[in-house]
N, C-alpha and C. Protein backbone atom coordinates (compact mmCIF):
# COMPACT_ATOMS: atom_id res chain seq x y z
N MET A 1 161.45 113.92 112.07
CA MET A 1 162.11 111.95 111.59
C MET A 1 162.05 112.17 110.56
N THR A 2 162.62 110.69 109.78
CA THR A 2 163.30 110.72 108.94
C THR A 2 162.44 109.51 108.70
N MET A 3 162.26 109.15 106.91
CA MET A 3 161.61 107.95 106.89
C MET A 3 162.46 106.85 107.43
N ASN A 4 163.82 107.00 107.92
CA ASN A 4 163.34 105.64 108.86
C ASN A 4 162.85 105.16 109.19
N ASP A 5 162.60 105.76 110.99
CA ASP A 5 162.10 106.21 111.88
C ASP A 5 160.44 105.92 111.29
N CYS A 6 159.69 106.19 109.98
CA CYS A 6 158.93 106.77 110.03
C CYS A 6 157.85 105.31 111.00
N ILE A 7 156.42 104.23 110.86
CA ILE A 7 155.49 103.56 110.92
C ILE A 7 155.53 103.90 109.95
N PHE A 8 154.98 104.44 108.90
CA PHE A 8 154.05 104.76 107.18
C PHE A 8 155.35 104.30 106.61
N CYS A 9 156.50 104.74 106.88
CA CYS A 9 157.54 104.43 105.50
C CYS A 9 157.76 102.28 106.01
N LYS A 10 157.73 102.34 107.31
CA LYS A 10 157.88 101.06 107.63
C LYS A 10 156.83 99.53 106.43
N ILE A 11 155.47 100.06 107.66
CA ILE A 11 154.27 99.52 107.15
C ILE A 11 154.66 98.93 104.84
N ILE A 12 155.01 100.35 104.10
CA ILE A 12 154.46 100.15 103.15
C ILE A 12 155.98 99.68 102.77
N LYS A 13 156.77 99.97 103.17
CA LYS A 13 158.13 98.23 102.49
C LYS A 13 157.41 97.55 102.91
N GLY A 14 156.57 97.23 104.37
CA GLY A 14 156.72 95.91 103.88
C GLY A 14 157.08 95.21 105.97
N GLU A 15 157.86 95.74 106.19
CA GLU A 15 158.74 96.41 107.41
C GLU A 15 158.28 96.28 108.75
N ILE A 16 156.57 96.23 109.30
CA ILE A 16 155.96 96.76 109.48
C ILE A 16 154.67 95.43 109.35
N PRO A 17 153.92 94.64 109.61
CA PRO A 17 152.26 93.55 109.31
C PRO A 17 151.94 94.61 109.32
N SER A 18 150.78 95.05 108.38
CA SER A 18 150.00 95.39 107.30
C SER A 18 148.98 94.61 106.88
N VAL A 19 147.93 95.03 106.30
CA VAL A 19 146.79 93.63 106.25
C VAL A 19 146.19 95.26 104.56
N LYS A 20 147.31 95.05 103.73
CA LYS A 20 146.48 95.89 102.58
C LYS A 20 145.38 96.33 102.36
N LEU A 21 144.67 96.81 102.41
CA LEU A 21 143.12 97.25 101.38
C LEU A 21 143.75 96.97 99.96
N TYR A 22 144.53 97.79 99.08
CA TYR A 22 144.85 98.28 98.09
C TYR A 22 146.07 98.77 97.81
N GLU A 23 147.19 98.73 97.18
CA GLU A 23 147.62 98.71 96.11
C GLU A 23 148.57 99.49 95.53
N ASP A 24 149.08 100.57 95.53
CA ASP A 24 150.25 100.00 93.88
C ASP A 24 151.33 101.18 93.74
N GLU A 25 151.21 101.50 92.68
CA GLU A 25 153.13 102.62 93.03
C GLU A 25 153.10 103.77 93.40
N ASP A 26 151.58 104.91 94.05
CA ASP A 26 151.69 105.53 94.65
C ASP A 26 151.39 105.71 96.17
N MET A 27 150.81 105.13 95.95
CA MET A 27 149.66 104.19 97.77
C MET A 27 149.52 103.42 97.78
N VAL A 28 149.35 103.21 99.51
CA VAL A 28 148.64 102.00 99.89
C VAL A 28 147.40 102.67 100.63
N ILE A 29 146.72 101.28 100.43
CA ILE A 29 145.53 101.51 101.43
C ILE A 29 145.67 100.67 103.19
N ILE A 30 145.55 101.54 103.67
CA ILE A 30 145.27 100.13 105.57
C ILE A 30 144.21 99.98 105.64
N ARG A 31 143.35 99.25 106.74
CA ARG A 31 142.35 99.86 107.92
C ARG A 31 143.78 100.31 109.44
N ASP A 32 142.82 101.36 109.57
CA ASP A 32 144.14 102.24 110.60
C ASP A 32 143.46 101.18 112.20
N VAL A 33 144.55 101.32 112.95
CA VAL A 33 144.74 100.36 114.37
C VAL A 33 143.53 101.07 114.93
N ALA A 34 143.11 102.15 115.54
CA ALA A 34 142.21 102.42 115.94
C ALA A 34 140.70 103.39 115.75
N PRO A 35 139.94 102.75 115.10
CA PRO A 35 138.87 102.74 114.62
C PRO A 35 137.61 104.10 114.74
N GLN A 36 138.04 104.77 114.04
CA GLN A 36 136.99 106.11 115.02
C GLN A 36 135.47 105.95 113.94
N ALA A 37 135.40 104.84 113.63
CA ALA A 37 134.28 105.01 111.95
C ALA A 37 134.28 103.69 112.12
N PRO A 38 133.06 102.50 112.07
CA PRO A 38 132.70 100.88 111.44
C PRO A 38 134.24 101.34 110.61
N VAL A 39 134.17 101.43 110.13
CA VAL A 39 134.88 102.06 107.63
C VAL A 39 135.42 103.21 109.23
N HIS A 40 137.02 102.34 109.19
CA HIS A 40 138.24 103.67 109.17
C HIS A 40 138.99 103.36 108.83
N LEU A 41 139.99 103.61 107.50
CA LEU A 41 141.25 103.86 106.59
C LEU A 41 142.04 104.29 106.77
N LEU A 42 143.39 104.47 106.10
CA LEU A 42 143.88 104.85 105.61
C LEU A 42 144.79 104.95 104.59
N LEU A 43 145.06 106.94 104.42
CA LEU A 43 145.34 106.13 102.58
C LEU A 43 147.06 106.95 103.09
N LEU A 44 148.11 106.02 102.36
CA LEU A 44 149.13 106.14 102.95
C LEU A 44 150.39 106.82 101.31
N PRO A 45 150.47 108.02 101.05
CA PRO A 45 151.06 108.08 99.10
C PRO A 45 152.82 107.26 100.17
N LYS A 46 153.13 107.06 99.04
CA LYS A 46 154.38 105.45 100.09
C LYS A 46 155.25 106.53 99.30
N GLU A 47 154.91 108.15 99.15
CA GLU A 47 156.68 109.42 98.92
C GLU A 47 156.25 109.29 100.66
N HIS A 48 157.09 109.96 101.50
CA HIS A 48 157.02 110.31 102.80
C HIS A 48 157.28 111.94 102.64
N PHE A 49 156.51 112.80 102.80
CA PHE A 49 156.99 113.73 103.52
C PHE A 49 155.42 114.15 104.41
N ALA A 50 155.88 115.42 104.89
CA ALA A 50 155.48 115.00 106.20
C ALA A 50 153.76 115.78 106.45
N ASN A 51 153.69 116.90 105.75
CA ASN A 51 152.23 116.62 105.64
C ASN A 51 151.86 117.78 104.82
N ILE A 52 150.29 118.25 104.47
CA ILE A 52 150.22 118.58 103.09
C ILE A 52 150.64 120.06 103.02
N VAL A 53 151.20 120.49 104.43
CA VAL A 53 151.97 122.42 104.05
C VAL A 53 152.93 122.41 103.56
N GLU A 54 154.42 120.67 103.17
CA GLU A 54 155.51 120.38 103.03
C GLU A 54 155.60 119.64 101.81
N MET A 55 154.05 119.56 101.28
CA MET A 55 154.15 118.55 100.09
C MET A 55 154.75 119.56 98.49
N SER A 56 155.21 118.98 97.63
CA SER A 56 155.31 120.17 96.32
C SER A 56 154.52 120.04 95.40
N ASP A 57 154.25 120.52 95.00
CA ASP A 57 153.43 120.29 92.96
C ASP A 57 153.24 119.28 93.03
N ALA A 58 154.41 118.20 92.64
CA ALA A 58 154.43 117.27 92.35
C ALA A 58 153.91 116.42 93.34
N GLN A 59 154.55 116.17 94.45
CA GLN A 59 153.80 115.44 95.27
C GLN A 59 151.97 115.40 95.46
N ALA A 60 151.00 117.00 95.40
CA ALA A 60 149.76 117.18 95.35
C ALA A 60 149.43 116.59 93.97
N ALA A 61 149.95 116.43 92.77
CA ALA A 61 150.06 116.06 91.57
C ALA A 61 149.36 114.64 91.40
N THR A 62 150.20 114.16 92.31
CA THR A 62 150.67 112.25 92.99
C THR A 62 148.84 112.30 94.08
N LEU A 63 149.08 113.26 95.01
CA LEU A 63 148.22 112.69 96.38
C LEU A 63 146.88 113.29 95.54
N GLY A 64 146.15 114.42 94.26
CA GLY A 64 145.08 113.95 93.57
C GLY A 64 145.15 113.09 93.26
N LYS A 65 146.08 111.61 91.99
CA LYS A 65 146.31 111.08 91.53
C LYS A 65 145.01 109.43 92.43
N CYS A 66 146.58 109.83 93.73
CA CYS A 66 145.72 108.67 94.54
C CYS A 66 144.46 109.07 94.49
N LEU A 67 143.69 110.46 94.92
CA LEU A 67 142.64 110.29 95.94
C LEU A 67 141.46 110.27 93.97
N LYS A 68 141.61 110.51 93.00
CA LYS A 68 141.07 110.19 92.31
C LYS A 68 140.69 108.48 92.21
N LYS A 69 141.93 108.09 92.26
CA LYS A 69 141.60 106.96 92.35
C LYS A 69 141.05 105.91 93.25
N LEU A 70 140.37 106.18 94.46
CA LEU A 70 139.71 106.30 95.44
C LEU A 70 138.58 105.77 95.50
N SER A 71 138.17 107.46 94.06
CA SER A 71 137.32 106.86 93.52
C SER A 71 136.52 105.55 93.69
N SER A 72 137.15 104.86 92.73
CA SER A 72 136.65 103.83 92.44
C SER A 72 137.02 103.01 93.15
N LEU A 73 137.39 103.13 94.03
CA LEU A 73 137.63 102.31 95.41
C LEU A 73 136.43 101.94 96.14
N VAL A 74 134.69 102.41 96.34
CA VAL A 74 134.05 102.76 96.96
C VAL A 74 133.54 101.78 97.75
N ASP A 75 133.44 101.51 96.43
CA ASP A 75 132.54 100.01 96.51
C ASP A 75 132.59 98.85 97.11
N GLU A 76 134.38 98.12 97.18
CA GLU A 76 134.71 97.29 97.28
C GLU A 76 135.75 97.32 98.32
N LEU A 77 135.15 99.13 99.46
CA LEU A 77 135.76 99.29 100.65
C LEU A 77 134.99 99.71 101.59
N GLY A 78 133.75 99.27 101.43
CA GLY A 78 132.73 99.46 102.19
C GLY A 78 132.29 100.97 102.26
N LEU A 79 132.61 102.27 100.97
CA LEU A 79 131.87 103.48 101.31
C LEU A 79 130.95 104.09 100.33
N SER A 80 130.30 101.95 99.89
CA SER A 80 129.67 103.06 99.05
C SER A 80 128.28 104.65 100.08
N GLY A 81 127.55 104.51 100.38
CA GLY A 81 126.95 104.54 101.33
C GLY A 81 127.91 106.98 101.70
N GLY A 82 128.84 106.93 101.27
CA GLY A 82 129.93 108.14 101.25
C GLY A 82 130.65 107.84 103.13
N PHE A 83 131.07 109.25 102.69
CA PHE A 83 132.65 109.07 103.12
C PHE A 83 133.63 109.73 104.00
N ARG A 84 134.04 110.50 104.82
CA ARG A 84 134.72 111.67 105.20
C ARG A 84 135.76 111.08 104.80
N LEU A 85 136.48 112.27 104.04
CA LEU A 85 138.19 112.81 104.58
C LEU A 85 139.06 113.11 104.67
N VAL A 86 139.98 112.83 105.80
CA VAL A 86 141.02 114.59 106.82
C VAL A 86 142.00 114.28 107.20
N SER A 87 142.56 115.11 106.73
CA SER A 87 144.28 115.05 107.25
C SER A 87 144.91 116.41 108.35
N ASN A 88 145.18 115.33 108.82
CA ASN A 88 145.97 116.18 109.74
C ASN A 88 146.60 117.21 109.96
N LYS A 89 146.80 118.61 110.11
CA LYS A 89 148.35 118.79 109.95
C LYS A 89 149.16 119.14 111.48
N GLY A 90 149.77 119.19 111.90
CA GLY A 90 150.80 119.86 112.65
C GLY A 90 150.29 119.52 114.40
N LYS A 91 150.20 118.63 115.40
CA LYS A 91 150.05 118.97 116.87
C LYS A 91 149.10 119.42 117.41
N ASP A 92 148.28 120.74 116.83
CA ASP A 92 147.07 121.37 117.54
C ASP A 92 145.88 120.39 116.99
N ALA A 93 146.33 119.49 115.77
CA ALA A 93 145.16 119.10 115.07
C ALA A 93 145.01 117.57 114.86
N CYS A 94 146.12 116.89 115.88
CA CYS A 94 146.58 115.88 116.68
C CYS A 94 147.04 114.98 115.57
N GLN A 95 148.06 115.57 115.25
CA GLN A 95 148.72 114.66 113.59
C GLN A 95 150.45 114.21 114.29
N SER A 96 149.98 112.99 114.15
CA SER A 96 150.01 111.52 115.97
C SER A 96 151.44 110.80 114.47
N VAL A 97 151.53 111.02 113.51
CA VAL A 97 152.68 110.81 112.97
C VAL A 97 153.01 111.62 111.73
N GLU A 98 154.10 111.44 111.98
CA GLU A 98 154.37 112.98 110.22
C GLU A 98 154.72 112.57 108.86
N HIS A 99 153.90 111.25 108.40
CA HIS A 99 153.88 111.45 107.29
C HIS A 99 152.30 111.71 106.44
N LEU A 100 152.35 112.47 105.69
CA LEU A 100 151.09 112.26 105.42
C LEU A 100 150.58 111.35 105.40
N HIS A 101 149.13 112.19 106.16
CA HIS A 101 148.48 110.87 105.34
C HIS A 101 146.81 111.20 105.55
N ILE A 102 145.64 110.12 104.91
CA ILE A 102 144.60 110.78 104.30
C ILE A 102 143.84 109.28 105.31
N HIS A 103 142.94 110.28 106.71
CA HIS A 103 142.07 109.31 107.14
C HIS A 103 140.44 108.88 106.71
N ILE A 104 140.09 108.38 105.80
CA ILE A 104 139.02 107.49 104.86
C ILE A 104 138.14 107.10 106.09
N LEU A 105 136.71 108.02 106.00
CA LEU A 105 135.97 107.66 108.04
C LEU A 105 133.96 107.33 106.97
N GLY A 106 134.00 105.81 106.69
CA GLY A 106 132.28 105.90 106.54
C GLY A 106 131.74 104.19 107.59
N GLY A 107 131.35 104.12 106.46
CA GLY A 107 130.56 102.87 106.48
C GLY A 107 129.14 102.42 108.36
N ALA A 108 128.73 104.05 107.88
CA ALA A 108 127.18 105.02 108.90
C ALA A 108 127.50 106.13 108.62
N GLN A 109 125.97 106.49 108.94
CA GLN A 109 126.24 108.11 109.04
C GLN A 109 127.04 108.93 109.90
N LEU A 110 127.76 109.86 109.78
CA LEU A 110 128.52 110.16 111.14
C LEU A 110 128.40 111.23 111.13
N ALA A 111 128.34 111.84 112.50
CA ALA A 111 128.14 112.88 113.46
C ALA A 111 127.87 114.32 112.38
N ASP A 112 127.28 114.73 112.85
CA ASP A 112 126.92 116.59 111.36
C ASP A 112 128.87 117.55 111.91
N LYS A 113 129.22 117.78 113.35
CA LYS A 113 129.19 118.67 113.48
C LYS A 113 131.19 117.37 113.44
N MET A 114 132.21 117.53 113.40
CA MET A 114 133.33 117.29 113.99
C MET A 114 133.73 117.71 114.56
N ALA A 115 133.80 116.56 116.27
CA ALA A 115 134.86 117.09 117.35
C ALA A 115 135.71 117.50 117.82
């Protein structure tokens, strides 16, 4: 998949409409269109790379910065009771879009075990 074909790159560029709950120079946070929890958000790094295995050291540093910023947004995103972060890699993990994204799940008590 190229950046031109990537649905998340199109959302980041504003080519596909989406409600951006947060945006800065490094990332966008949007609602997941198929929520698996009362609050199900996606953290999308603006730079396109397929998954956590393929990121460079610089991309890893940017992702760390994004996660640190998330910690200051928990109240306004409805996550003050806690949340779970998930990053899928590859078809066995059901990664549906080859642009690294972090699922942020919360808003209620989540199951003890991952399904």
